[in-house]
Amino acid sequence: MEKLRLYFEQSIQFFREVKVELQKVTFPTRQETVGSTIVVLVLTVIMAFYLGFSDWALARIVKALLQV
């Protein structure tokens, strides 16, 4: 029974500390979130085109070499 009480007290203390730490957090504004999302999407599209082109080009090179 003592273990259960100790576990309960430690859990309460943990959540108190979590609450204190969350009060210190500064969350991004909507504008910052939208800006970051746009950057991620643009870079994802650029990387997709780059990797797609690289794959296409290397496949053609390998195909040409194997036909020789």
N, C-alpha and C. Protein backbone atom coordinates (compact mmCIF):
# COMPACT_ATOMS: atom_id res chain seq x y z
N MET A 1 0.82 -1.20 0.00
CA MET A 1 0.00 0.00 0.00
C MET A 1 0.87 1.27 0.00
N GLU A 2 1.97 1.18 0.70
CA GLU A 2 2.90 2.32 0.77
C GLU A 2 3.48 2.62 -0.62
N LYS A 3 3.75 1.55 -1.39
CA LYS A 3 4.28 1.73 -2.74
C LYS A 3 3.29 2.46 -3.62
N LEU A 4 2.03 2.11 -3.48
CA LEU A 4 0.98 2.74 -4.29
C LEU A 4 0.87 4.22 -3.96
N ARG A 5 0.91 4.56 -2.68
CA ARG A 5 0.84 5.96 -2.26
C ARG A 5 2.04 6.74 -2.79
N LEU A 6 3.22 6.13 -2.70
CA LEU A 6 4.44 6.78 -3.19
C LEU A 6 4.35 7.00 -4.71
N TYR A 7 3.87 6.00 -5.41
CA TYR A 7 3.72 6.12 -6.87
C TYR A 7 2.74 7.26 -7.20
N PHE A 8 1.64 7.34 -6.47
CA PHE A 8 0.64 8.39 -6.69
C PHE A 8 1.24 9.77 -6.43
N GLU A 9 2.00 9.92 -5.37
CA GLU A 9 2.62 11.21 -5.04
C GLU A 9 3.65 11.62 -6.09
N GLN A 10 4.42 10.64 -6.56
CA GLN A 10 5.41 10.93 -7.59
C GLN A 10 4.74 11.34 -8.90
N SER A 11 3.62 10.71 -9.20
CA SER A 11 2.88 11.06 -10.41
C SER A 11 2.36 12.49 -10.33
N ILE A 12 1.81 12.85 -9.20
CA ILE A 12 1.31 14.21 -9.01
C ILE A 12 2.45 15.22 -9.14
N GLN A 13 3.59 14.92 -8.51
CA GLN A 13 4.75 15.81 -8.60
C GLN A 13 5.21 15.96 -10.04
N PHE A 14 5.22 14.86 -10.79
CA PHE A 14 5.62 14.89 -12.19
C PHE A 14 4.73 15.85 -12.99
N PHE A 15 3.42 15.72 -12.82
CA PHE A 15 2.51 16.58 -13.57
C PHE A 15 2.58 18.03 -13.14
N ARG A 16 2.90 18.29 -11.90
CA ARG A 16 3.13 19.69 -11.47
C ARG A 16 4.34 20.27 -12.19
N GLU A 17 5.41 19.48 -12.27
CA GLU A 17 6.62 19.94 -12.95
C GLU A 17 6.39 20.13 -14.45
N VAL A 18 5.58 19.25 -15.03
CA VAL A 18 5.24 19.40 -16.45
C VAL A 18 4.51 20.71 -16.67
N LYS A 19 3.56 21.02 -15.80
CA LYS A 19 2.80 22.27 -15.92
C LYS A 19 3.73 23.48 -15.84
N VAL A 20 4.69 23.46 -14.92
CA VAL A 20 5.64 24.57 -14.77
C VAL A 20 6.48 24.72 -16.04
N GLU A 21 6.95 23.60 -16.57
CA GLU A 21 7.78 23.66 -17.77
C GLU A 21 6.99 24.13 -18.99
N LEU A 22 5.75 23.71 -19.11
CA LEU A 22 4.92 24.14 -20.24
C LEU A 22 4.63 25.64 -20.20
N GLN A 23 4.64 26.23 -19.02
CA GLN A 23 4.43 27.67 -18.92
C GLN A 23 5.64 28.44 -19.46
N LYS A 24 6.79 27.80 -19.52
CA LYS A 24 8.00 28.44 -20.03
C LYS A 24 8.10 28.37 -21.55
N VAL A 25 7.31 27.50 -22.16
CA VAL A 25 7.39 27.28 -23.60
C VAL A 25 6.76 28.44 -24.35
N THR A 26 7.42 28.89 -25.42
CA THR A 26 6.84 29.88 -26.29
C THR A 26 6.51 29.20 -27.62
N PHE A 27 5.25 29.11 -27.92
CA PHE A 27 4.80 28.45 -29.13
C PHE A 27 4.87 29.43 -30.30
N PRO A 28 5.11 28.94 -31.51
CA PRO A 28 5.19 29.85 -32.66
C PRO A 28 3.84 30.46 -32.99
N THR A 29 3.91 31.65 -33.58
CA THR A 29 2.67 32.30 -34.00
C THR A 29 2.13 31.61 -35.24
N ARG A 30 0.90 31.94 -35.60
CA ARG A 30 0.30 31.35 -36.79
C ARG A 30 1.12 31.69 -38.04
N GLN A 31 1.58 32.94 -38.10
CA GLN A 31 2.37 33.38 -39.25
C GLN A 31 3.68 32.60 -39.36
N GLU A 32 4.35 32.37 -38.24
CA GLU A 32 5.59 31.59 -38.24
C GLU A 32 5.33 30.14 -38.66
N THR A 33 4.22 29.59 -38.20
CA THR A 33 3.88 28.21 -38.55
C THR A 33 3.59 28.08 -40.03
N VAL A 34 2.83 29.01 -40.57
CA VAL A 34 2.51 28.99 -42.00
C VAL A 34 3.78 29.17 -42.82
N GLY A 35 4.64 30.07 -42.43
CA GLY A 35 5.90 30.29 -43.14
C GLY A 35 6.78 29.06 -43.15
N SER A 36 6.91 28.43 -42.00
CA SER A 36 7.72 27.21 -41.92
C SER A 36 7.12 26.09 -42.76
N THR A 37 5.81 25.97 -42.76
CA THR A 37 5.14 24.94 -43.55
C THR A 37 5.39 25.15 -45.03
N ILE A 38 5.32 26.39 -45.48
CA ILE A 38 5.56 26.69 -46.89
C ILE A 38 7.00 26.34 -47.28
N VAL A 39 7.95 26.67 -46.41
CA VAL A 39 9.35 26.35 -46.69
C VAL A 39 9.53 24.84 -46.81
N VAL A 40 8.94 24.08 -45.91
CA VAL A 40 9.05 22.63 -45.95
C VAL A 40 8.43 22.06 -47.22
N LEU A 41 7.26 22.56 -47.60
CA LEU A 41 6.61 22.06 -48.81
C LEU A 41 7.42 22.38 -50.06
N VAL A 42 7.94 23.59 -50.16
CA VAL A 42 8.73 23.98 -51.33
C VAL A 42 10.00 23.13 -51.42
N LEU A 43 10.69 22.96 -50.31
CA LEU A 43 11.91 22.15 -50.33
C LEU A 43 11.60 20.69 -50.65
N THR A 44 10.46 20.19 -50.20
CA THR A 44 10.07 18.82 -50.50
C THR A 44 9.84 18.65 -52.00
N VAL A 45 9.17 19.61 -52.62
CA VAL A 45 8.92 19.55 -54.06
C VAL A 45 10.24 19.63 -54.83
N ILE A 46 11.12 20.52 -54.43
CA ILE A 46 12.42 20.66 -55.09
C ILE A 46 13.21 19.35 -54.99
N MET A 47 13.25 18.76 -53.81
CA MET A 47 13.98 17.51 -53.63
C MET A 47 13.34 16.38 -54.42
N ALA A 48 12.02 16.36 -54.52
CA ALA A 48 11.34 15.32 -55.29
C ALA A 48 11.73 15.42 -56.77
N PHE A 49 11.73 16.62 -57.31
CA PHE A 49 12.14 16.80 -58.70
C PHE A 49 13.60 16.42 -58.90
N TYR A 50 14.46 16.84 -58.00
CA TYR A 50 15.88 16.52 -58.10
C TYR A 50 16.11 15.01 -58.07
N LEU A 51 15.52 14.34 -57.09
CA LEU A 51 15.70 12.90 -56.99
C LEU A 51 15.06 12.17 -58.16
N GLY A 52 13.91 12.65 -58.60
CA GLY A 52 13.26 12.03 -59.76
C GLY A 52 14.11 12.17 -61.01
N PHE A 53 14.66 13.35 -61.23
CA PHE A 53 15.52 13.58 -62.40
C PHE A 53 16.80 12.75 -62.30
N SER A 54 17.39 12.71 -61.12
CA SER A 54 18.62 11.93 -60.93
C SER A 54 18.36 10.45 -61.19
N ASP A 55 17.26 9.94 -60.69
CA ASP A 55 16.90 8.55 -60.91
C ASP A 55 16.70 8.27 -62.39
N TRP A 56 15.99 9.15 -63.06
CA TRP A 56 15.74 8.99 -64.49
C TRP A 56 17.05 9.00 -65.28
N ALA A 57 17.92 9.98 -64.97
CA ALA A 57 19.19 10.11 -65.70
C ALA A 57 20.09 8.90 -65.45
N LEU A 58 20.21 8.48 -64.20
CA LEU A 58 21.07 7.34 -63.91
C LEU A 58 20.52 6.05 -64.52
N ALA A 59 19.21 5.91 -64.55
CA ALA A 59 18.61 4.73 -65.17
C ALA A 59 18.93 4.69 -66.66
N ARG A 60 18.87 5.84 -67.31
CA ARG A 60 19.22 5.89 -68.75
C ARG A 60 20.69 5.57 -68.98
N ILE A 61 21.55 6.07 -68.09
CA ILE A 61 22.98 5.79 -68.23
C ILE A 61 23.25 4.30 -68.06
N VAL A 62 22.68 3.70 -67.04
CA VAL A 62 22.88 2.27 -66.81
C VAL A 62 22.31 1.46 -67.97
N LYS A 63 21.15 1.84 -68.46
CA LYS A 63 20.54 1.15 -69.57
C LYS A 63 21.44 1.23 -70.81
N ALA A 64 22.02 2.41 -71.06
CA ALA A 64 22.91 2.60 -72.21
C ALA A 64 24.17 1.76 -72.05
N LEU A 65 24.71 1.71 -70.85
CA LEU A 65 25.92 0.93 -70.62
C LEU A 65 25.68 -0.56 -70.77
N LEU A 66 24.53 -1.02 -70.36
CA LEU A 66 24.23 -2.46 -70.44
C LEU A 66 23.91 -2.90 -71.86
N GLN A 67 23.54 -1.98 -72.72
CA GLN A 67 23.23 -2.33 -74.11
C GLN A 67 24.47 -2.39 -74.99
N VAL A 68 25.58 -1.90 -74.49
CA VAL A 68 26.82 -1.86 -75.28
C VAL A 68 27.41 -3.22 -75.45
